[in-house]
N, C-alpha and C. Protein backbone atom coordinates (compact mmCIF):
# COMPACT_ATOMS: atom_id res chain seq x y z
N MET A 1 0.07 -1.27 -0.24
CA MET A 1 0.28 0.30 -0.27
C MET A 1 0.41 1.61 -0.58
N ALA A 2 2.06 1.09 1.15
CA ALA A 2 3.29 2.00 0.80
C ALA A 2 2.92 2.23 -0.89
N ALA A 3 3.46 1.61 -1.58
CA ALA A 3 4.25 1.92 -2.75
C ALA A 3 3.81 2.14 -3.59
N GLY A 4 2.01 1.67 -3.90
CA GLY A 4 0.86 1.93 -4.58
C GLY A 4 0.48 0.96 -5.00
N ALA A 5 1.52 -0.27 -5.08
CA ALA A 5 1.62 -1.37 -5.67
C ALA A 5 -0.19 -2.02 -5.83
N THR A 6 -0.74 -2.69 -6.65
CA THR A 6 -1.81 -3.30 -6.38
C THR A 6 -1.12 -4.79 -6.58
N CYS A 7 -2.25 -5.62 -5.35
CA CYS A 7 -1.81 -7.44 -6.46
C CYS A 7 -2.86 -8.25 -7.16
N LYS A 8 -3.52 -8.54 -7.94
CA LYS A 8 -3.89 -9.98 -8.17
C LYS A 8 -4.05 -11.07 -8.26
N ILE A 9 -4.78 -11.78 -7.05
CA ILE A 9 -4.46 -13.67 -7.06
C ILE A 9 -5.21 -13.85 -7.93
N GLU A 10 -5.35 -15.02 -8.20
CA GLU A 10 -6.50 -15.62 -8.77
C GLU A 10 -6.08 -17.13 -8.86
N ILE A 11 -6.89 -18.27 -8.52
CA ILE A 11 -6.21 -19.50 -7.94
C ILE A 11 -7.37 -20.52 -8.52
N GLY A 12 -6.33 -21.52 -9.02
CA GLY A 12 -7.25 -21.82 -10.64
C GLY A 12 -7.40 -23.14 -10.62
N LYS A 13 -7.92 -23.61 -11.09
CA LYS A 13 -7.71 -25.57 -10.59
C LYS A 13 -7.03 -26.65 -10.98
N PRO A 14 -6.12 -27.59 -9.93
CA PRO A 14 -4.66 -27.91 -9.85
C PRO A 14 -4.40 -28.49 -11.64
N THR A 15 -3.08 -28.52 -11.75
CA THR A 15 -3.90 -29.39 -13.53
C THR A 15 -2.35 -30.54 -12.58
N PHE A 16 -2.59 -30.49 -13.66
CA PHE A 16 -0.99 -31.67 -13.28
C PHE A 16 -0.95 -32.53 -15.04
N ASP A 17 0.50 -31.27 -14.93
CA ASP A 17 1.78 -31.57 -15.71
C ASP A 17 2.28 -33.16 -16.65
N PRO A 18 2.22 -32.63 -18.54
CA PRO A 18 2.80 -34.53 -17.94
C PRO A 18 4.23 -34.04 -17.55
N ILE A 19 4.80 -35.80 -17.70
CA ILE A 19 6.04 -35.50 -17.67
C ILE A 19 7.66 -34.64 -18.34
N ARG A 20 8.26 -34.43 -18.12
CA ARG A 20 9.25 -34.09 -19.21
C ARG A 20 10.48 -34.09 -18.95
N HIS A 21 10.72 -35.53 -20.28
CA HIS A 21 12.03 -36.25 -19.88
C HIS A 21 13.09 -35.95 -19.87
N ASN A 22 14.49 -36.66 -19.07
CA ASN A 22 15.67 -36.06 -19.39
C ASN A 22 16.82 -37.11 -20.21
N PRO A 23 16.77 -36.69 -20.93
CA PRO A 23 17.62 -38.46 -21.19
C PRO A 23 18.15 -38.87 -20.60
N SER A 24 19.26 -37.81 -20.32
CA SER A 24 20.70 -37.74 -19.47
C SER A 24 20.30 -38.73 -18.23
N LEU A 25 19.51 -38.69 -17.75
CA LEU A 25 19.39 -38.47 -16.05
C LEU A 25 18.38 -40.43 -16.30
N GLU A 26 17.31 -39.84 -17.45
CA GLU A 26 17.22 -41.49 -17.31
C GLU A 26 18.13 -43.02 -18.22
N GLU A 27 18.75 -42.75 -18.66
CA GLU A 27 20.05 -43.13 -19.05
C GLU A 27 20.72 -43.76 -17.91
N ALA A 28 21.19 -42.68 -17.42
CA ALA A 28 22.30 -43.22 -16.05
C ALA A 28 21.00 -44.15 -15.09
N ALA A 29 19.80 -43.56 -14.92
CA ALA A 29 19.44 -44.08 -13.70
C ALA A 29 19.28 -46.01 -14.27
N ARG A 30 18.77 -45.99 -15.85
CA ARG A 30 18.72 -47.67 -16.11
C ARG A 30 19.96 -48.26 -15.94
N ALA A 31 21.29 -47.71 -16.89
CA ALA A 31 22.20 -47.40 -15.83
C ALA A 31 22.50 -48.47 -14.40
N ASN A 32 22.21 -47.90 -13.97
CA ASN A 32 22.28 -48.14 -12.51
C ASN A 32 21.06 -49.38 -12.63
N MET A 33 19.73 -49.75 -12.63
CA MET A 33 19.21 -50.54 -12.31
C MET A 33 19.60 -51.20 -13.13
N ILE A 34 20.17 -51.56 -14.35
CA ILE A 34 20.99 -53.17 -14.37
C ILE A 34 22.14 -53.43 -14.01
N ALA A 35 22.97 -52.41 -14.08
CA ALA A 35 23.74 -52.97 -12.38
C ALA A 35 23.73 -53.89 -11.23
N LEU A 36 21.76 -52.75 -10.66
CA LEU A 36 21.30 -54.04 -9.61
C LEU A 36 21.19 -54.72 -9.70
N GLY A 37 20.52 -55.54 -10.59
CA GLY A 37 19.43 -56.68 -11.61
C GLY A 37 18.66 -56.61 -12.04
N ILE A 38 17.81 -54.99 -12.48
CA ILE A 38 16.36 -54.61 -11.43
C ILE A 38 15.86 -54.80 -13.09
N PRO A 39 15.17 -55.80 -13.60
CA PRO A 39 14.87 -56.39 -14.47
C PRO A 39 14.01 -54.71 -15.49
N ILE A 40 13.90 -54.24 -16.34
CA ILE A 40 13.51 -53.21 -17.02
C ILE A 40 12.35 -53.62 -17.99
N ASP A 41 11.08 -53.05 -17.16
CA ASP A 41 9.75 -53.50 -18.19
C ASP A 41 9.23 -51.91 -18.62
N ALA A 42 9.03 -52.88 -20.64
CA ALA A 42 7.94 -51.40 -21.27
C ALA A 42 7.37 -50.30 -20.24
N ASP A 43 7.22 -49.01 -20.00
CA ASP A 43 6.07 -48.93 -19.38
C ASP A 43 5.16 -47.94 -19.82
N ASP A 44 3.68 -47.91 -19.75
CA ASP A 44 3.18 -47.60 -21.07
C ASP A 44 2.96 -45.83 -20.45
N GLY A 45 3.03 -45.91 -18.66
CA GLY A 45 3.62 -43.85 -18.36
C GLY A 45 1.95 -43.06 -17.82
N ARG A 46 0.71 -44.89 -17.71
CA ARG A 46 -0.31 -45.21 -16.88
C ARG A 46 -0.63 -45.69 -15.68
N ARG A 47 -0.45 -44.90 -15.30
CA ARG A 47 -0.51 -45.95 -13.90
C ARG A 47 -0.56 -44.89 -12.24
N GLY A 48 -1.93 -43.71 -13.25
CA GLY A 48 -2.91 -42.36 -12.04
C GLY A 48 -1.84 -41.55 -12.28
N SER A 49 -2.80 -40.82 -11.08
CA SER A 49 -2.14 -39.81 -11.27
C SER A 49 -1.03 -38.96 -10.67
N SER A 50 -0.13 -37.95 -11.47
CA SER A 50 0.96 -37.28 -9.90
C SER A 50 1.18 -36.04 -10.15
N ASP A 51 2.01 -35.30 -9.27
CA ASP A 51 2.75 -34.30 -9.30
C ASP A 51 4.16 -34.02 -9.65
N ILE A 52 4.87 -35.10 -9.79
CA ILE A 52 6.21 -35.62 -10.31
C ILE A 52 6.00 -34.84 -12.02
N GLY A 53 5.44 -34.31 -12.75
CA GLY A 53 5.14 -34.71 -13.59
C GLY A 53 5.47 -32.20 -13.37
N ASN A 54 5.06 -31.90 -12.83
CA ASN A 54 4.69 -30.43 -12.41
C ASN A 54 6.00 -29.70 -12.33
N LEU A 55 7.25 -30.85 -11.07
CA LEU A 55 8.15 -30.84 -10.74
C LEU A 55 8.71 -30.61 -11.43
N SER A 56 9.23 -31.88 -12.95
CA SER A 56 10.03 -32.01 -14.19
C SER A 56 10.17 -30.69 -14.88
N GLN A 57 8.70 -29.03 -14.79
CA GLN A 57 9.19 -28.67 -15.78
C GLN A 57 9.52 -28.12 -15.17
N VAL A 58 10.37 -28.22 -14.18
CA VAL A 58 11.42 -26.46 -14.09
C VAL A 58 12.67 -27.64 -12.84
N LEU A 59 12.93 -28.72 -12.56
CA LEU A 59 13.58 -29.59 -11.99
C LEU A 59 14.05 -30.82 -12.85
N PRO A 60 15.56 -31.74 -12.99
CA PRO A 60 15.19 -32.58 -13.99
C PRO A 60 14.47 -34.06 -12.84
N ALA A 61 13.85 -34.79 -13.21
CA ALA A 61 12.86 -35.59 -12.09
C ALA A 61 12.81 -36.83 -13.12
N LEU A 62 12.90 -38.13 -12.28
CA LEU A 62 12.23 -39.06 -13.37
C LEU A 62 11.61 -39.72 -11.94
N HIS A 63 10.56 -40.20 -12.81
CA HIS A 63 9.66 -41.46 -11.75
C HIS A 63 9.97 -43.14 -12.13
N PRO A 64 11.11 -43.44 -11.36
CA PRO A 64 11.32 -45.08 -11.47
C PRO A 64 10.09 -45.48 -10.68
N SER A 65 9.86 -47.07 -11.20
CA SER A 65 8.90 -48.19 -9.79
C SER A 65 9.27 -48.92 -10.09
N LEU A 66 9.98 -49.52 -8.82
CA LEU A 66 10.48 -51.19 -8.81
C LEU A 66 9.42 -51.97 -7.69
N ALA A 67 9.20 -53.41 -9.01
CA ALA A 67 8.03 -54.49 -8.55
C ALA A 67 8.26 -55.21 -7.37
N ILE A 68 7.52 -55.31 -5.94
CA ILE A 68 7.84 -55.96 -5.02
C ILE A 68 6.66 -57.56 -5.16
N VAL A 69 5.50 -57.16 -6.47
CA VAL A 69 5.02 -58.07 -6.63
C VAL A 69 5.00 -58.67 -8.12
N GLY A 70 3.89 -60.06 -8.10
CA GLY A 70 3.79 -60.45 -10.10
C GLY A 70 3.23 -59.31 -10.74
N PRO A 71 3.34 -59.60 -12.23
CA PRO A 71 2.40 -58.87 -12.56
C PRO A 71 0.51 -59.19 -12.50
N GLU A 72 0.82 -60.43 -11.94
CA GLU A 72 -0.59 -60.90 -11.75
C GLU A 72 -1.37 -60.91 -10.12
N THR A 73 -0.85 -59.30 -9.84
CA THR A 73 -1.44 -58.74 -8.86
C THR A 73 -1.30 -57.49 -9.55
N ARG A 74 -2.94 -56.34 -9.76
CA ARG A 74 -2.82 -55.26 -10.96
C ARG A 74 -3.74 -54.09 -8.82
N GLY A 75 -3.00 -53.47 -9.22
CA GLY A 75 -3.45 -51.98 -8.05
C GLY A 75 -3.16 -52.85 -6.56
N ILE A 76 -3.32 -51.53 -6.35
CA ILE A 76 -3.29 -52.15 -4.82
C ILE A 76 -4.27 -53.13 -3.88
N ARG A 77 -3.57 -54.14 -2.77
CA ARG A 77 -4.55 -55.16 -2.72
C ARG A 77 -4.03 -55.49 -1.73
N ARG A 78 -4.76 -56.39 -0.04
CA ARG A 78 -4.14 -57.10 0.67
C ARG A 78 -3.01 -57.74 0.33
N SER A 79 -2.24 -58.48 -0.53
CA SER A 79 -1.52 -58.90 -1.15
C SER A 79 0.20 -58.02 -1.30
N SER A 80 -0.30 -56.75 -2.13
CA SER A 80 0.35 -56.01 -2.21
C SER A 80 0.90 -55.12 -0.56
N ALA A 81 0.02 -55.26 0.69
CA ALA A 81 0.88 -54.72 1.34
C ALA A 81 1.86 -56.14 2.27
N LYS A 82 1.05 -56.98 1.98
CA LYS A 82 1.73 -58.01 2.76
C LYS A 82 3.91 -58.61 1.71
N ALA A 83 3.54 -58.25 0.52
CA ALA A 83 4.77 -58.36 -0.62
C ALA A 83 5.16 -57.56 0.39
N THR A 84 5.13 -56.02 0.74
CA THR A 84 6.09 -55.41 1.07
C THR A 84 7.17 -56.07 2.23
N VAL A 85 7.23 -57.33 2.82
CA VAL A 85 7.58 -57.70 3.72
C VAL A 85 7.95 -58.93 4.52
N SER A 86 7.58 -59.27 2.66
CA SER A 86 8.30 -60.46 1.54
C SER A 86 10.23 -60.67 1.24
N ALA A 87 10.09 -61.62 0.96
CA ALA A 87 11.99 -61.84 1.25
C ALA A 87 12.05 -60.78 -0.73
N ARG A 88 11.26 -61.33 -1.54
CA ARG A 88 11.22 -60.45 -2.17
C ARG A 88 10.63 -58.81 -2.47
N GLY A 89 10.09 -58.38 -1.80
CA GLY A 89 9.88 -57.17 -1.22
C GLY A 89 11.24 -56.47 -1.10
N LYS A 90 11.63 -57.43 0.93
CA LYS A 90 12.67 -56.36 1.29
C LYS A 90 14.08 -56.72 -0.55
N GLU A 91 14.29 -58.03 -0.93
CA GLU A 91 15.47 -57.25 -1.90
C GLU A 91 15.26 -56.28 -2.46
N THR A 92 14.02 -55.92 -3.16
CA THR A 92 13.28 -54.84 -3.81
C THR A 92 13.87 -53.27 -2.66
N LEU A 93 13.47 -53.66 -1.78
CA LEU A 93 13.83 -52.22 -1.33
C LEU A 93 15.51 -52.38 -0.97
N VAL A 94 16.36 -53.27 -0.58
CA VAL A 94 17.44 -52.99 -1.05
C VAL A 94 18.61 -52.46 -1.94
N LYS A 95 17.54 -53.19 -2.68
CA LYS A 95 18.50 -52.46 -4.86
C LYS A 95 17.61 -50.93 -4.72
N ALA A 96 16.26 -50.72 -4.12
CA ALA A 96 15.87 -48.91 -4.34
C ALA A 96 16.44 -48.60 -3.17
N ALA A 97 16.95 -48.57 -2.10
CA ALA A 97 18.19 -48.19 -1.57
C ALA A 97 19.72 -47.30 -1.89
N ASN A 98 19.70 -48.36 -2.96
CA ASN A 98 21.11 -48.45 -3.63
C ASN A 98 21.13 -47.52 -5.29
N PHE A 99 20.31 -47.19 -5.16
CA PHE A 99 19.64 -47.53 -5.88
C PHE A 99 20.70 -45.45 -7.54
N TRP A 100 21.12 -45.35 -6.03
CA TRP A 100 22.39 -43.53 -6.64
C TRP A 100 23.20 -44.09 -5.58
N PRO A 101 23.66 -44.30 -6.95
CA PRO A 101 25.41 -44.18 -5.99
C PRO A 101 26.84 -43.34 -5.03
């Protein structure tokens, strides 16, 4: 008010921008996954909504997923929760912790 300035605030609907791919970061991640023995599957990108796309517009980002269940388990199920403490779940957690050397 002292400077005589005005401000207009507009609040719109939240958006989920598409992820901005970073080939260098993706290749480094791919190399680490191979070195750790993590299987790499094709991803159609349709795994629900996320705001990682918004972040990737301003910072290098990627959104890797590591499976703790087999392909027969779709979505979040009680078996997914049990899988987190299974041998495969624990092994995947250790690999994820070592993802970035």
